[in-house]
């Protein structure tokens, strides 16, 4: 079962604030990451909206995109191959 993008987007805005554009792009990247199977292959755990929110809550600060990039950077260091899931820019 894939991540429900709309539900994740709402949770991101509730937890971390930011614009709807920021939450939307993070939800889209999370869905793409889940669909790729990379996270599950590296960790042995299926990526869920709950995991995304928990991991982003560990980030030092920022809105959804800053937190997402912090987590993706951590995954890149740990496993490699996550750079493509980082967020460079998005529409507000």
N, C-alpha and C. Protein backbone atom coordinates (compact mmCIF):
# COMPACT_ATOMS: atom_id res chain seq x y z
N UNK A 1 0.84 -1.19 0.00
CA UNK A 1 0.00 0.00 0.00
C UNK A 1 0.88 1.25 0.00
N UNK A 2 0.61 2.12 -0.90
CA UNK A 2 1.40 3.33 -1.06
C UNK A 2 0.96 4.41 -0.06
N UNK A 3 1.82 5.36 0.15
CA UNK A 3 1.52 6.49 1.04
C UNK A 3 0.37 7.31 0.44
N UNK A 4 -0.58 7.68 1.27
CA UNK A 4 -1.68 8.57 0.86
C UNK A 4 -1.11 9.99 0.85
N UNK A 5 -0.84 10.50 -0.34
CA UNK A 5 -0.17 11.79 -0.48
C UNK A 5 -0.96 12.93 0.15
N UNK A 6 -2.27 12.97 -0.07
CA UNK A 6 -3.08 14.05 0.49
C UNK A 6 -3.08 14.03 2.02
N UNK A 7 -3.19 12.86 2.58
CA UNK A 7 -3.18 12.74 4.04
C UNK A 7 -1.82 13.16 4.61
N UNK A 8 -0.75 12.72 3.98
CA UNK A 8 0.57 13.11 4.43
C UNK A 8 0.75 14.62 4.33
N UNK A 9 0.29 15.21 3.24
CA UNK A 9 0.40 16.66 3.08
C UNK A 9 -0.29 17.39 4.24
N UNK A 10 -1.47 16.95 4.61
CA UNK A 10 -2.19 17.58 5.74
C UNK A 10 -1.41 17.41 7.04
N UNK A 11 -0.89 16.21 7.28
CA UNK A 11 -0.13 15.96 8.51
C UNK A 11 1.13 16.83 8.57
N UNK A 12 1.80 17.00 7.46
CA UNK A 12 3.00 17.83 7.42
C UNK A 12 2.68 19.28 7.77
N UNK A 13 1.59 19.79 7.24
CA UNK A 13 1.20 21.17 7.55
C UNK A 13 0.81 21.31 9.01
N UNK A 14 0.12 20.31 9.55
CA UNK A 14 -0.27 20.35 10.97
C UNK A 14 0.95 20.31 11.88
N UNK A 15 1.89 19.46 11.57
CA UNK A 15 3.06 19.26 12.43
C UNK A 15 4.13 20.33 12.28
N UNK A 16 4.38 20.77 11.03
CA UNK A 16 5.55 21.62 10.77
C UNK A 16 5.23 22.97 10.14
N UNK A 17 3.96 23.25 9.90
CA UNK A 17 3.59 24.53 9.31
C UNK A 17 4.07 24.64 7.88
N UNK A 18 4.38 25.85 7.48
CA UNK A 18 4.84 26.08 6.12
C UNK A 18 3.69 26.21 5.15
N UNK A 19 4.03 26.45 3.92
CA UNK A 19 3.03 26.67 2.88
C UNK A 19 2.47 25.34 2.37
N UNK A 20 1.35 25.44 1.67
CA UNK A 20 0.80 24.24 1.07
C UNK A 20 1.73 23.71 -0.02
N UNK A 21 2.45 24.61 -0.69
CA UNK A 21 3.41 24.19 -1.71
C UNK A 21 4.53 23.36 -1.12
N UNK A 22 5.02 23.78 0.05
CA UNK A 22 6.10 23.04 0.71
C UNK A 22 5.63 21.66 1.14
N UNK A 23 4.48 21.59 1.75
CA UNK A 23 3.96 20.30 2.20
C UNK A 23 3.66 19.40 1.01
N UNK A 24 3.16 19.98 -0.06
CA UNK A 24 2.82 19.21 -1.25
C UNK A 24 4.06 18.58 -1.88
N UNK A 25 5.12 19.35 -2.02
CA UNK A 25 6.32 18.81 -2.66
C UNK A 25 6.97 17.74 -1.77
N UNK A 26 6.93 17.90 -0.47
CA UNK A 26 7.47 16.86 0.42
C UNK A 26 6.63 15.59 0.31
N UNK A 27 5.32 15.74 0.29
CA UNK A 27 4.45 14.56 0.16
C UNK A 27 4.70 13.85 -1.17
N UNK A 28 4.90 14.62 -2.22
CA UNK A 28 5.19 14.02 -3.53
C UNK A 28 6.52 13.28 -3.51
N UNK A 29 7.55 13.88 -2.92
CA UNK A 29 8.86 13.23 -2.84
C UNK A 29 8.79 11.97 -1.98
N UNK A 30 8.03 12.02 -0.90
CA UNK A 30 7.87 10.85 -0.04
C UNK A 30 7.19 9.72 -0.79
N UNK A 31 6.19 10.06 -1.59
CA UNK A 31 5.50 9.06 -2.40
C UNK A 31 6.45 8.46 -3.43
N UNK A 32 7.25 9.31 -4.06
CA UNK A 32 8.23 8.82 -5.03
C UNK A 32 9.27 7.91 -4.36
N UNK A 33 9.72 8.31 -3.17
CA UNK A 33 10.67 7.48 -2.44
C UNK A 33 10.06 6.13 -2.11
N UNK A 34 8.82 6.14 -1.64
CA UNK A 34 8.14 4.89 -1.34
C UNK A 34 8.01 4.02 -2.59
N UNK A 35 7.56 4.62 -3.67
CA UNK A 35 7.38 3.89 -4.92
C UNK A 35 8.69 3.30 -5.45
N UNK A 36 9.80 3.95 -5.17
CA UNK A 36 11.10 3.46 -5.64
C UNK A 36 11.53 2.18 -4.94
N UNK A 37 11.03 1.97 -3.71
CA UNK A 37 11.41 0.79 -2.94
C UNK A 37 12.77 0.91 -2.28
N UNK A 38 13.47 2.01 -2.49
CA UNK A 38 14.83 2.18 -1.97
C UNK A 38 14.86 2.17 -0.44
N UNK A 39 13.95 2.92 0.20
CA UNK A 39 13.95 3.00 1.66
C UNK A 39 13.72 1.61 2.26
N UNK A 40 12.76 0.89 1.72
CA UNK A 40 12.46 -0.44 2.24
C UNK A 40 13.64 -1.39 2.02
N UNK A 41 14.29 -1.30 0.87
CA UNK A 41 15.45 -2.14 0.60
C UNK A 41 16.60 -1.86 1.57
N UNK A 42 16.79 -0.58 1.89
CA UNK A 42 17.91 -0.21 2.77
C UNK A 42 17.62 -0.46 4.24
N UNK A 43 16.37 -0.29 4.66
CA UNK A 43 16.06 -0.36 6.09
C UNK A 43 15.29 -1.62 6.49
N UNK A 44 14.70 -2.29 5.51
CA UNK A 44 13.87 -3.45 5.81
C UNK A 44 12.49 -3.09 6.31
N UNK A 45 12.14 -1.81 6.20
CA UNK A 45 10.85 -1.31 6.68
C UNK A 45 10.16 -0.54 5.56
N UNK A 46 8.89 -0.80 5.37
CA UNK A 46 8.12 -0.07 4.37
C UNK A 46 7.95 1.38 4.82
N UNK A 47 8.16 2.32 3.93
CA UNK A 47 7.99 3.74 4.25
C UNK A 47 6.51 4.05 4.41
N UNK A 48 6.17 4.71 5.50
CA UNK A 48 4.79 5.12 5.76
C UNK A 48 4.76 6.60 6.09
N UNK A 49 3.56 7.18 6.07
CA UNK A 49 3.41 8.58 6.45
C UNK A 49 3.86 8.78 7.89
N UNK A 50 3.56 7.83 8.75
CA UNK A 50 3.97 7.93 10.16
C UNK A 50 5.48 8.00 10.28
N UNK A 51 6.19 7.18 9.54
CA UNK A 51 7.66 7.21 9.58
C UNK A 51 8.17 8.55 9.09
N UNK A 52 7.61 9.05 8.00
CA UNK A 52 8.04 10.35 7.46
C UNK A 52 7.88 11.43 8.52
N UNK A 53 6.73 11.52 9.14
CA UNK A 53 6.47 12.55 10.15
C UNK A 53 7.41 12.38 11.34
N UNK A 54 7.62 11.16 11.80
CA UNK A 54 8.52 10.92 12.93
C UNK A 54 9.94 11.32 12.60
N UNK A 55 10.40 10.95 11.42
CA UNK A 55 11.78 11.29 11.03
C UNK A 55 11.95 12.80 10.87
N UNK A 56 10.97 13.46 10.28
CA UNK A 56 11.07 14.91 10.11
C UNK A 56 11.00 15.63 11.45
N UNK A 57 10.32 15.05 12.42
CA UNK A 57 10.25 15.65 13.76
C UNK A 57 11.62 15.67 14.43
N UNK A 58 12.52 14.78 14.02
CA UNK A 58 13.87 14.73 14.59
C UNK A 58 14.78 15.81 14.04
N UNK A 59 14.39 16.44 12.93
CA UNK A 59 15.22 17.48 12.33
C UNK A 59 15.33 18.67 13.28
N UNK A 60 16.46 19.38 13.23
CA UNK A 60 16.69 20.49 14.16
C UNK A 60 15.61 21.57 14.13
N UNK A 61 15.16 21.97 12.96
CA UNK A 61 14.12 23.00 12.85
C UNK A 61 13.75 23.20 11.39
N UNK A 62 12.82 24.10 11.15
CA UNK A 62 12.43 24.43 9.79
C UNK A 62 11.07 23.90 9.42
N UNK A 63 10.67 24.25 8.22
CA UNK A 63 9.41 23.78 7.69
C UNK A 63 9.57 22.40 7.06
N UNK A 64 8.54 21.92 6.39
CA UNK A 64 8.60 20.57 5.82
C UNK A 64 9.77 20.34 4.86
N UNK A 65 10.06 21.30 3.98
CA UNK A 65 11.14 21.06 3.01
C UNK A 65 12.51 21.04 3.66
N UNK A 66 12.75 21.92 4.61
CA UNK A 66 14.05 21.91 5.29
C UNK A 66 14.24 20.62 6.08
N UNK A 67 13.18 20.20 6.74
CA UNK A 67 13.24 18.96 7.52
C UNK A 67 13.43 17.75 6.61
N UNK A 68 12.70 17.75 5.48
CA UNK A 68 12.83 16.67 4.52
C UNK A 68 14.26 16.59 4.01
N UNK A 69 14.83 17.70 3.59
CA UNK A 69 16.19 17.70 3.08
C UNK A 69 17.20 17.26 4.14
N UNK A 70 16.96 17.60 5.38
CA UNK A 70 17.83 17.15 6.47
C UNK A 70 17.78 15.62 6.56
N UNK A 71 16.57 15.06 6.52
CA UNK A 71 16.43 13.60 6.61
C UNK A 71 17.02 12.90 5.39
N UNK A 72 16.73 13.42 4.21
CA UNK A 72 17.28 12.83 2.98
C UNK A 72 18.80 12.89 3.02
N UNK A 73 19.37 13.97 3.54
CA UNK A 73 20.82 14.06 3.69
C UNK A 73 21.36 12.98 4.62
N UNK A 74 20.62 12.70 5.68
CA UNK A 74 21.03 11.63 6.60
C UNK A 74 20.99 10.27 5.91
N UNK A 75 19.95 10.04 5.13
CA UNK A 75 19.85 8.77 4.39
C UNK A 75 20.95 8.67 3.33
N UNK A 76 21.28 9.78 2.70
CA UNK A 76 22.35 9.81 1.71
C UNK A 76 23.68 9.42 2.35
N UNK A 77 23.95 9.96 3.52
CA UNK A 77 25.19 9.64 4.22
C UNK A 77 25.20 8.17 4.64
N UNK A 78 24.09 7.69 5.14
CA UNK A 78 24.02 6.32 5.64
C UNK A 78 24.05 5.27 4.54
N UNK A 79 23.31 5.51 3.45
CA UNK A 79 23.14 4.47 2.45
C UNK A 79 23.58 4.85 1.04
N UNK A 80 23.57 6.14 0.74
CA UNK A 80 23.84 6.60 -0.62
C UNK A 80 22.60 6.41 -1.50
N UNK A 81 22.54 7.17 -2.57
CA UNK A 81 21.46 7.02 -3.54
C UNK A 81 20.18 7.78 -3.24
N UNK A 82 20.22 8.68 -2.28
CA UNK A 82 19.01 9.42 -1.92
C UNK A 82 19.00 10.86 -2.44
N UNK A 83 20.07 11.29 -3.04
CA UNK A 83 20.20 12.67 -3.50
C UNK A 83 19.05 13.07 -4.44
N UNK A 84 18.59 12.15 -5.26
CA UNK A 84 17.53 12.46 -6.22
C UNK A 84 16.21 12.81 -5.53
N UNK A 85 16.06 12.46 -4.27
CA UNK A 85 14.82 12.73 -3.55
C UNK A 85 14.86 14.05 -2.78
N UNK A 86 15.98 14.75 -2.84
CA UNK A 86 16.08 16.05 -2.19
C UNK A 86 15.25 17.09 -2.93
N UNK A 87 14.94 18.17 -2.25
CA UNK A 87 14.11 19.24 -2.82
C UNK A 87 15.00 20.45 -3.03
N UNK A 88 15.03 20.91 -4.26
CA UNK A 88 15.83 22.08 -4.59
C UNK A 88 14.98 23.35 -4.65
N UNK A 89 13.78 23.24 -5.22
CA UNK A 89 12.85 24.37 -5.23
C UNK A 89 11.45 23.87 -5.52
N UNK A 90 10.49 24.74 -5.22
CA UNK A 90 9.09 24.39 -5.41
C UNK A 90 8.28 25.67 -5.52
N UNK A 91 7.06 25.53 -6.00
CA UNK A 91 6.16 26.68 -6.10
C UNK A 91 5.41 26.87 -4.81
N UNK A 92 5.25 28.12 -4.43
CA UNK A 92 4.49 28.45 -3.22
C UNK A 92 3.01 28.31 -3.47
